[in-house]
Amino acid sequence: MRTLFNLLWLALACSPVHTTLSKSDAKKAASKTLLEKSQFSDKPVQDRGLVVTDLKAESVVLEHRSYCSAKARDRHFAGDVLGYVTPWNSHGYDVTKVFGSKFTQISPVWLQLKRRGREMFEVTGLHDVDQGSHPSCLTVLAPQAEKSGGCELSGSMPRACT
């Protein structure tokens, strides 16, 4: 009986070892890929009927690279808009170059504002800046405030890329 139990245990333990994952069917994979546009449009999203309440994932994927270059610099929102730029992803720089006037602040994630005393702050992280890679429109910066210092920063920043 014990031998039968050990043999059964061994069979169950070794059975997953022999299983393999087969390659996925090309027809199934092709049916899941969505089309996308990568061209400029002569109409803004409002005129193309893309600003809707019942948003569909397919329309987002199809249109996510398409924008109206004639209206790319126009703002449609009166509030503050903060954009983050990372040194490891150059796409943020590209977005800032094209749509920079839509942002009120640009925050490079490698810059930090650290508290040094009651009324002094120090901008750190400048050693991480690649001088040749960032666009000229990153002249207005909003560094990240260090939370451990117990300070809160508020106030308005001038517009970037105007």
N, C-alpha and C. Protein backbone atom coordinates (compact mmCIF):
# COMPACT_ATOMS: atom_id res chain seq x y z
N MET A 1 0.82 -1.19 0.00
CA MET A 1 0.00 0.00 0.00
C MET A 1 0.87 1.26 0.00
N ARG A 2 1.92 1.22 0.81
CA ARG A 2 2.82 2.37 0.88
C ARG A 2 3.51 2.59 -0.47
N THR A 3 3.88 1.52 -1.13
CA THR A 3 4.52 1.61 -2.44
C THR A 3 3.57 2.22 -3.45
N LEU A 4 2.31 1.84 -3.40
CA LEU A 4 1.31 2.40 -4.30
C LEU A 4 1.13 3.90 -4.04
N PHE A 5 1.11 4.28 -2.77
CA PHE A 5 0.99 5.69 -2.40
C PHE A 5 2.19 6.49 -2.92
N ASN A 6 3.41 5.98 -2.72
CA ASN A 6 4.61 6.66 -3.22
C ASN A 6 4.62 6.76 -4.74
N LEU A 7 4.17 5.71 -5.41
CA LEU A 7 4.11 5.72 -6.87
C LEU A 7 3.09 6.75 -7.36
N LEU A 8 1.95 6.82 -6.70
CA LEU A 8 0.93 7.82 -7.05
C LEU A 8 1.44 9.24 -6.80
N TRP A 9 2.09 9.44 -5.67
CA TRP A 9 2.66 10.76 -5.36
C TRP A 9 3.70 11.17 -6.40
N LEU A 10 4.56 10.24 -6.80
CA LEU A 10 5.59 10.50 -7.80
C LEU A 10 4.97 10.83 -9.16
N ALA A 11 3.91 10.13 -9.51
CA ALA A 11 3.24 10.39 -10.78
C ALA A 11 2.61 11.77 -10.79
N LEU A 12 1.99 12.16 -9.70
CA LEU A 12 1.38 13.49 -9.61
C LEU A 12 2.43 14.59 -9.57
N ALA A 13 3.53 14.35 -8.92
CA ALA A 13 4.58 15.36 -8.82
C ALA A 13 5.29 15.57 -10.15
N CYS A 14 5.43 14.53 -10.93
CA CYS A 14 6.16 14.63 -12.20
C CYS A 14 5.28 15.00 -13.38
N SER A 15 3.98 14.93 -13.25
CA SER A 15 3.10 15.20 -14.40
C SER A 15 3.21 16.63 -14.91
N PRO A 16 3.34 17.67 -14.08
CA PRO A 16 3.47 19.02 -14.63
C PRO A 16 4.79 19.24 -15.37
N VAL A 17 5.77 18.41 -15.11
CA VAL A 17 7.07 18.57 -15.76
C VAL A 17 6.96 18.31 -17.25
N HIS A 18 6.07 17.44 -17.65
CA HIS A 18 5.95 17.05 -19.05
C HIS A 18 5.03 17.97 -19.85
N THR A 19 4.38 18.92 -19.21
CA THR A 19 3.49 19.81 -19.94
C THR A 19 4.30 20.90 -20.62
N THR A 20 3.82 21.36 -21.75
CA THR A 20 4.49 22.43 -22.49
C THR A 20 3.46 23.47 -22.89
N LEU A 21 3.95 24.64 -23.18
CA LEU A 21 3.10 25.69 -23.72
C LEU A 21 3.27 25.70 -25.22
N SER A 22 2.19 25.58 -25.93
CA SER A 22 2.28 25.60 -27.39
C SER A 22 2.25 27.04 -27.87
N LYS A 23 2.76 27.24 -29.07
CA LYS A 23 2.73 28.58 -29.65
C LYS A 23 1.29 28.97 -29.90
N SER A 24 1.00 30.25 -29.73
CA SER A 24 -0.37 30.69 -29.92
C SER A 24 -0.72 30.69 -31.40
N ASP A 25 -1.97 30.54 -31.66
CA ASP A 25 -2.45 30.50 -33.02
C ASP A 25 -2.32 31.90 -33.63
N ALA A 26 -1.77 31.99 -34.82
CA ALA A 26 -1.55 33.28 -35.47
C ALA A 26 -2.86 33.99 -35.76
N LYS A 27 -3.91 33.24 -36.07
CA LYS A 27 -5.20 33.85 -36.37
C LYS A 27 -5.79 34.50 -35.12
N LYS A 28 -5.64 33.86 -33.97
CA LYS A 28 -6.14 34.44 -32.73
C LYS A 28 -5.35 35.69 -32.36
N ALA A 29 -4.04 35.66 -32.53
CA ALA A 29 -3.21 36.82 -32.20
C ALA A 29 -3.52 37.98 -33.12
N ALA A 30 -3.76 37.72 -34.39
CA ALA A 30 -4.07 38.78 -35.34
C ALA A 30 -5.42 39.42 -35.03
N SER A 31 -6.36 38.65 -34.52
CA SER A 31 -7.67 39.21 -34.23
C SER A 31 -7.64 40.14 -33.03
N LYS A 32 -6.63 40.03 -32.17
CA LYS A 32 -6.55 40.88 -30.98
C LYS A 32 -5.77 42.16 -31.21
N THR A 33 -5.05 42.28 -32.31
CA THR A 33 -4.30 43.51 -32.57
C THR A 33 -5.25 44.57 -33.10
N LEU A 34 -5.07 45.79 -32.61
CA LEU A 34 -5.93 46.90 -33.01
C LEU A 34 -5.18 47.83 -33.94
N LEU A 35 -5.91 48.41 -34.85
CA LEU A 35 -5.31 49.38 -35.76
C LEU A 35 -5.05 50.68 -35.02
N GLU A 36 -4.10 51.46 -35.52
CA GLU A 36 -3.85 52.78 -34.95
C GLU A 36 -3.40 53.73 -36.05
N LYS A 37 -3.80 54.98 -35.88
CA LYS A 37 -3.39 56.02 -36.82
C LYS A 37 -2.13 56.67 -36.30
N SER A 38 -1.25 57.04 -37.19
CA SER A 38 -0.04 57.75 -36.75
C SER A 38 0.18 58.98 -37.61
N GLN A 39 -0.89 59.61 -38.03
CA GLN A 39 -0.77 60.77 -38.90
C GLN A 39 -1.41 61.99 -38.24
N PHE A 40 -1.11 63.14 -38.80
CA PHE A 40 -1.72 64.37 -38.33
C PHE A 40 -3.15 64.44 -38.85
N SER A 41 -3.97 65.17 -38.13
CA SER A 41 -5.34 65.39 -38.56
C SER A 41 -5.51 66.89 -38.79
N ASP A 42 -6.40 67.23 -39.69
CA ASP A 42 -6.67 68.65 -39.92
C ASP A 42 -7.77 69.18 -39.01
N LYS A 43 -8.38 68.30 -38.23
CA LYS A 43 -9.45 68.71 -37.30
C LYS A 43 -9.06 68.34 -35.87
N PRO A 44 -9.43 69.18 -34.90
CA PRO A 44 -9.17 68.81 -33.50
C PRO A 44 -10.12 67.70 -33.04
N VAL A 45 -9.82 67.12 -31.89
CA VAL A 45 -10.60 65.98 -31.39
C VAL A 45 -12.07 66.34 -31.18
N GLN A 46 -12.37 67.58 -30.82
CA GLN A 46 -13.75 67.99 -30.62
C GLN A 46 -14.54 67.89 -31.92
N ASP A 47 -13.92 68.30 -33.03
CA ASP A 47 -14.60 68.26 -34.33
C ASP A 47 -14.66 66.85 -34.92
N ARG A 48 -13.78 65.97 -34.48
CA ARG A 48 -13.79 64.58 -34.97
C ARG A 48 -14.71 63.69 -34.16
N GLY A 49 -15.38 64.23 -33.15
CA GLY A 49 -16.32 63.45 -32.36
C GLY A 49 -15.65 62.50 -31.38
N LEU A 50 -14.44 62.82 -30.95
CA LEU A 50 -13.71 61.93 -30.05
C LEU A 50 -13.88 62.29 -28.58
N VAL A 51 -14.43 63.45 -28.29
CA VAL A 51 -14.69 63.84 -26.90
C VAL A 51 -16.10 63.37 -26.56
N VAL A 52 -16.18 62.20 -25.93
CA VAL A 52 -17.47 61.56 -25.64
C VAL A 52 -17.47 61.05 -24.21
N THR A 53 -18.65 60.75 -23.71
CA THR A 53 -18.76 60.20 -22.36
C THR A 53 -18.67 58.67 -22.36
N ASP A 54 -19.05 58.03 -23.45
CA ASP A 54 -18.98 56.57 -23.54
C ASP A 54 -17.75 56.16 -24.35
N LEU A 55 -16.59 56.36 -23.77
CA LEU A 55 -15.31 56.12 -24.43
C LEU A 55 -15.07 54.63 -24.63
N LYS A 56 -14.55 54.28 -25.80
CA LYS A 56 -14.23 52.89 -26.11
C LYS A 56 -12.72 52.75 -26.28
N ALA A 57 -12.17 51.65 -25.79
CA ALA A 57 -10.73 51.40 -25.86
C ALA A 57 -10.24 51.39 -27.30
N GLU A 58 -11.03 50.86 -28.21
CA GLU A 58 -10.61 50.79 -29.61
C GLU A 58 -10.37 52.17 -30.19
N SER A 59 -11.23 53.14 -29.86
CA SER A 59 -11.05 54.48 -30.41
C SER A 59 -9.83 55.18 -29.81
N VAL A 60 -9.53 54.88 -28.55
CA VAL A 60 -8.34 55.46 -27.92
C VAL A 60 -7.08 54.92 -28.59
N VAL A 61 -7.03 53.60 -28.78
CA VAL A 61 -5.86 52.99 -29.41
C VAL A 61 -5.72 53.45 -30.85
N LEU A 62 -6.84 53.57 -31.56
CA LEU A 62 -6.80 53.99 -32.96
C LEU A 62 -6.31 55.42 -33.11
N GLU A 63 -6.70 56.30 -32.21
CA GLU A 63 -6.44 57.74 -32.37
C GLU A 63 -5.35 58.28 -31.46
N HIS A 64 -4.68 57.47 -30.65
CA HIS A 64 -3.80 58.02 -29.61
C HIS A 64 -2.59 58.76 -30.15
N ARG A 65 -2.19 58.55 -31.38
CA ARG A 65 -1.06 59.29 -31.95
C ARG A 65 -1.48 60.39 -32.91
N SER A 66 -2.75 60.49 -33.15
CA SER A 66 -3.25 61.46 -34.12
C SER A 66 -3.65 62.75 -33.40
N TYR A 67 -3.13 63.87 -33.88
CA TYR A 67 -3.50 65.16 -33.30
C TYR A 67 -3.50 66.22 -34.39
N CYS A 68 -4.19 67.31 -34.12
CA CYS A 68 -4.29 68.41 -35.07
C CYS A 68 -3.11 69.34 -34.84
N SER A 69 -2.17 69.34 -35.77
CA SER A 69 -0.96 70.15 -35.59
C SER A 69 -1.26 71.64 -35.60
N ALA A 70 -2.32 72.06 -36.27
CA ALA A 70 -2.67 73.48 -36.30
C ALA A 70 -3.16 73.97 -34.94
N LYS A 71 -3.73 73.08 -34.15
CA LYS A 71 -4.27 73.45 -32.84
C LYS A 71 -3.45 72.88 -31.69
N ALA A 72 -2.26 72.36 -31.95
CA ALA A 72 -1.46 71.70 -30.92
C ALA A 72 -1.03 72.65 -29.81
N ARG A 73 -0.92 73.92 -30.08
CA ARG A 73 -0.46 74.88 -29.08
C ARG A 73 -1.61 75.58 -28.35
N ASP A 74 -2.84 75.38 -28.79
CA ASP A 74 -4.00 76.04 -28.17
C ASP A 74 -4.39 75.32 -26.88
N ARG A 75 -4.69 76.12 -25.85
CA ARG A 75 -5.14 75.56 -24.58
C ARG A 75 -6.66 75.56 -24.54
N HIS A 76 -7.23 74.49 -23.99
CA HIS A 76 -8.68 74.39 -23.85
C HIS A 76 -9.08 74.24 -22.38
N PHE A 77 -8.13 74.48 -21.49
CA PHE A 77 -8.35 74.30 -20.06
C PHE A 77 -7.69 75.46 -19.33
N ALA A 78 -8.44 76.14 -18.47
CA ALA A 78 -7.92 77.34 -17.81
C ALA A 78 -7.08 77.03 -16.57
N GLY A 79 -7.17 75.83 -16.03
CA GLY A 79 -6.46 75.49 -14.81
C GLY A 79 -4.99 75.18 -15.05
N ASP A 80 -4.28 74.91 -13.95
CA ASP A 80 -2.88 74.53 -14.04
C ASP A 80 -2.74 73.11 -14.56
N VAL A 81 -1.73 72.90 -15.39
CA VAL A 81 -1.46 71.57 -15.94
C VAL A 81 0.01 71.26 -15.71
N LEU A 82 0.27 70.18 -14.97
CA LEU A 82 1.64 69.76 -14.65
C LEU A 82 2.02 68.57 -15.50
N GLY A 83 3.19 68.65 -16.13
CA GLY A 83 3.70 67.53 -16.90
C GLY A 83 4.99 67.02 -16.28
N TYR A 84 5.17 65.70 -16.29
CA TYR A 84 6.38 65.08 -15.77
C TYR A 84 7.25 64.60 -16.92
N VAL A 85 8.55 64.82 -16.79
CA VAL A 85 9.52 64.36 -17.79
C VAL A 85 10.54 63.49 -17.07
N THR A 86 10.82 62.33 -17.65
CA THR A 86 11.79 61.41 -17.06
C THR A 86 13.02 61.31 -17.95
N PRO A 87 14.20 61.15 -17.38
CA PRO A 87 15.41 61.06 -18.20
C PRO A 87 15.52 59.74 -18.95
N TRP A 88 14.82 58.71 -18.51
CA TRP A 88 14.94 57.40 -19.15
C TRP A 88 13.92 57.19 -20.26
N ASN A 89 13.01 58.15 -20.48
CA ASN A 89 12.00 58.00 -21.53
C ASN A 89 11.96 59.28 -22.35
N SER A 90 12.51 59.25 -23.53
CA SER A 90 12.60 60.45 -24.36
C SER A 90 11.25 60.88 -24.92
N HIS A 91 10.23 60.05 -24.82
CA HIS A 91 8.92 60.42 -25.33
C HIS A 91 8.36 61.64 -24.58
N GLY A 92 8.68 61.77 -23.30
CA GLY A 92 8.23 62.93 -22.54
C GLY A 92 8.81 64.23 -23.08
N TYR A 93 10.06 64.19 -23.52
CA TYR A 93 10.67 65.36 -24.15
C TYR A 93 9.93 65.70 -25.44
N ASP A 94 9.60 64.69 -26.23
CA ASP A 94 8.91 64.91 -27.50
C ASP A 94 7.53 65.51 -27.28
N VAL A 95 6.81 65.02 -26.29
CA VAL A 95 5.49 65.56 -25.97
C VAL A 95 5.62 67.01 -25.51
N THR A 96 6.64 67.31 -24.74
CA THR A 96 6.86 68.67 -24.27
C THR A 96 7.18 69.61 -25.42
N LYS A 97 7.93 69.14 -26.39
CA LYS A 97 8.25 69.97 -27.55
C LYS A 97 7.00 70.33 -28.33
N VAL A 98 6.11 69.36 -28.54
CA VAL A 98 4.92 69.59 -29.36
C VAL A 98 3.83 70.30 -28.58
N PHE A 99 3.55 69.85 -27.35
CA PHE A 99 2.42 70.36 -26.59
C PHE A 99 2.83 71.20 -25.39
N GLY A 100 4.04 71.74 -25.39
CA GLY A 100 4.56 72.46 -24.24
C GLY A 100 3.73 73.63 -23.78
N SER A 101 3.07 74.33 -24.69
CA SER A 101 2.28 75.49 -24.29
C SER A 101 1.01 75.10 -23.56
N LYS A 102 0.64 73.85 -23.57
CA LYS A 102 -0.53 73.38 -22.84
C LYS A 102 -0.24 73.17 -21.35
N PHE A 103 1.05 73.10 -20.99
CA PHE A 103 1.44 72.87 -19.61
C PHE A 103 1.75 74.20 -18.93
N THR A 104 1.41 74.31 -17.65
CA THR A 104 1.82 75.48 -16.88
C THR A 104 3.13 75.21 -16.16
N GLN A 105 3.40 73.95 -15.82
CA GLN A 105 4.66 73.56 -15.21
C GLN A 105 5.14 72.24 -15.82
N ILE A 106 6.44 72.11 -15.92
CA ILE A 106 7.07 70.86 -16.32
C ILE A 106 7.97 70.43 -15.17
N SER A 107 7.79 69.21 -14.68
CA SER A 107 8.59 68.73 -13.56
C SER A 107 9.48 67.58 -14.00
N PRO A 108 10.79 67.83 -14.11
CA PRO A 108 11.69 66.71 -14.37
C PRO A 108 11.83 65.89 -13.10
N VAL A 109 11.63 64.60 -13.20
CA VAL A 109 11.59 63.77 -11.99
C VAL A 109 12.94 63.64 -11.32
N TRP A 110 14.01 64.01 -12.00
CA TRP A 110 15.33 63.88 -11.38
C TRP A 110 15.68 65.09 -10.52
N LEU A 111 14.92 66.18 -10.60
CA LEU A 111 15.17 67.35 -9.75
C LEU A 111 14.32 67.25 -8.48
N GLN A 112 14.90 67.62 -7.36
CA GLN A 112 14.19 67.62 -6.09
C GLN A 112 14.46 68.93 -5.37
N LEU A 113 13.47 69.40 -4.65
CA LEU A 113 13.60 70.60 -3.84
C LEU A 113 13.67 70.15 -2.38
N LYS A 114 14.84 70.28 -1.76
CA LYS A 114 15.04 69.81 -0.39
C LYS A 114 15.16 71.00 0.55
N ARG A 115 14.56 70.87 1.70
CA ARG A 115 14.59 71.94 2.69
C ARG A 115 15.93 71.96 3.40
N ARG A 116 16.51 73.13 3.51
CA ARG A 116 17.78 73.34 4.22
C ARG A 116 17.59 74.50 5.19
N GLY A 117 17.03 74.21 6.35
CA GLY A 117 16.76 75.26 7.32
C GLY A 117 15.31 75.71 7.24
N ARG A 118 15.01 76.83 7.96
CA ARG A 118 13.62 77.30 8.02
C ARG A 118 13.15 77.91 6.72
N GLU A 119 14.00 78.68 6.06
CA GLU A 119 13.57 79.40 4.87
C GLU A 119 14.46 79.14 3.66
N MET A 120 15.28 78.12 3.72
CA MET A 120 16.17 77.83 2.59
C MET A 120 15.82 76.49 1.97
N PHE A 121 15.90 76.46 0.65
CA PHE A 121 15.68 75.23 -0.10
C PHE A 121 16.83 75.05 -1.07
N GLU A 122 17.11 73.80 -1.39
CA GLU A 122 18.19 73.49 -2.32
C GLU A 122 17.63 72.60 -3.43
N VAL A 123 17.94 72.93 -4.67
CA VAL A 123 17.57 72.10 -5.80
C VAL A 123 18.67 71.07 -5.99
N THR A 124 18.32 69.79 -5.86
CA THR A 124 19.29 68.72 -6.03
C THR A 124 18.91 67.88 -7.24
N GLY A 125 19.84 67.07 -7.68
CA GLY A 125 19.61 66.21 -8.83
C GLY A 125 20.12 66.80 -10.13
N LEU A 126 20.77 67.95 -10.04
CA LEU A 126 21.27 68.59 -11.26
C LEU A 126 22.36 67.76 -11.93
N HIS A 127 23.03 66.91 -11.18
CA HIS A 127 24.08 66.07 -11.76
C HIS A 127 23.49 65.03 -12.71
N ASP A 128 22.18 64.75 -12.62
CA ASP A 128 21.53 63.77 -13.49
C ASP A 128 21.05 64.37 -14.80
N VAL A 129 21.13 65.69 -14.96
CA VAL A 129 20.61 66.34 -16.16
C VAL A 129 21.57 66.14 -17.31
N ASP A 130 21.02 65.67 -18.43
CA ASP A 130 21.78 65.54 -19.66
C ASP A 130 21.57 66.84 -20.44
N GLN A 131 22.55 67.71 -20.43
CA GLN A 131 22.41 69.06 -20.98
C GLN A 131 22.01 69.07 -22.45
N GLY A 132 22.44 68.10 -23.22
CA GLY A 132 22.15 68.11 -24.64
C GLY A 132 20.80 67.53 -25.01
N SER A 133 20.13 66.85 -24.09
CA SER A 133 18.93 66.12 -24.49
C SER A 133 17.63 66.86 -24.20
N HIS A 134 17.61 67.78 -23.26
CA HIS A 134 16.33 68.39 -22.95
C HIS A 134 16.06 69.59 -23.85
N PRO A 135 14.79 69.78 -24.23
CA PRO A 135 14.44 70.88 -25.12
C PRO A 135 14.51 72.21 -24.41
N SER A 136 14.56 73.27 -25.19
CA SER A 136 14.66 74.61 -24.62
C SER A 136 13.41 75.02 -23.87
N CYS A 137 12.30 74.35 -24.13
CA CYS A 137 11.07 74.74 -23.45
C CYS A 137 11.02 74.26 -22.01
N LEU A 138 12.03 73.55 -21.54
CA LEU A 138 12.06 73.13 -20.14
C LEU A 138 12.69 74.20 -19.26
N THR A 139 12.53 75.46 -19.63
CA THR A 139 13.10 76.53 -18.84
C THR A 139 12.28 76.79 -17.58
N VAL A 140 11.00 76.49 -17.60
CA VAL A 140 10.16 76.67 -16.43
C VAL A 140 9.99 75.30 -15.79
N LEU A 141 10.58 75.13 -14.62
CA LEU A 141 10.61 73.82 -13.98
C LEU A 141 9.88 73.87 -12.65
N ALA A 142 9.28 72.76 -12.29
CA ALA A 142 8.64 72.61 -11.00
C ALA A 142 9.26 71.40 -10.32
N PRO A 143 10.34 71.60 -9.55
CA PRO A 143 10.99 70.45 -8.90
C PRO A 143 10.05 69.78 -7.90
N GLN A 144 10.30 68.51 -7.64
CA GLN A 144 9.50 67.78 -6.67
C GLN A 144 9.95 68.18 -5.27
N ALA A 145 8.99 68.44 -4.40
CA ALA A 145 9.31 68.81 -3.02
C ALA A 145 9.55 67.55 -2.20
N GLU A 146 10.56 67.59 -1.37
CA GLU A 146 10.85 66.46 -0.49
C GLU A 146 9.84 66.46 0.64
N LYS A 147 9.10 65.38 0.80
CA LYS A 147 8.04 65.33 1.81
C LYS A 147 8.57 65.14 3.21
N SER A 148 9.75 64.57 3.36
CA SER A 148 10.28 64.31 4.70
C SER A 148 10.66 65.60 5.42
N GLY A 149 10.80 66.70 4.70
CA GLY A 149 11.16 67.96 5.32
C GLY A 149 9.99 68.64 5.99
N GLY A 150 8.78 68.15 5.77
CA GLY A 150 7.61 68.73 6.40
C GLY A 150 7.18 70.04 5.80
N CYS A 151 7.57 70.31 4.58
CA CYS A 151 7.19 71.58 3.97
C CYS A 151 6.18 71.34 2.86
N GLU A 152 5.35 72.34 2.63
CA GLU A 152 4.42 72.28 1.53
C GLU A 152 4.67 73.48 0.66
N LEU A 153 4.79 73.26 -0.63
CA LEU A 153 5.03 74.35 -1.55
C LEU A 153 3.76 74.67 -2.30
N SER A 154 3.47 75.93 -2.45
CA SER A 154 2.32 76.33 -3.25
C SER A 154 2.69 77.60 -3.98
N GLY A 155 1.84 77.99 -4.89
CA GLY A 155 2.10 79.18 -5.66
C GLY A 155 2.02 78.89 -7.13
N SER A 156 2.10 79.92 -7.92
CA SER A 156 1.97 79.73 -9.36
C SER A 156 3.33 79.84 -10.02
N MET A 157 3.47 79.15 -11.11
CA MET A 157 4.68 79.18 -11.90
C MET A 157 4.33 79.82 -13.24
N PRO A 158 5.26 80.48 -13.88
CA PRO A 158 4.98 81.01 -15.21
C PRO A 158 4.78 79.87 -16.20
N ARG A 159 4.16 80.17 -17.32
CA ARG A 159 3.88 79.16 -18.33
C ARG A 159 5.15 78.69 -19.00
N ALA A 160 5.16 77.43 -19.34
CA ALA A 160 6.30 76.83 -20.04
C ALA A 160 6.06 76.88 -21.54
N CYS A 161 7.13 77.01 -22.29
CA CYS A 161 7.10 76.88 -23.75
C CYS A 161 6.17 77.87 -24.43
N THR A 162 6.07 79.08 -23.97
CA THR A 162 5.20 80.04 -24.64
C THR A 162 5.97 80.87 -25.62
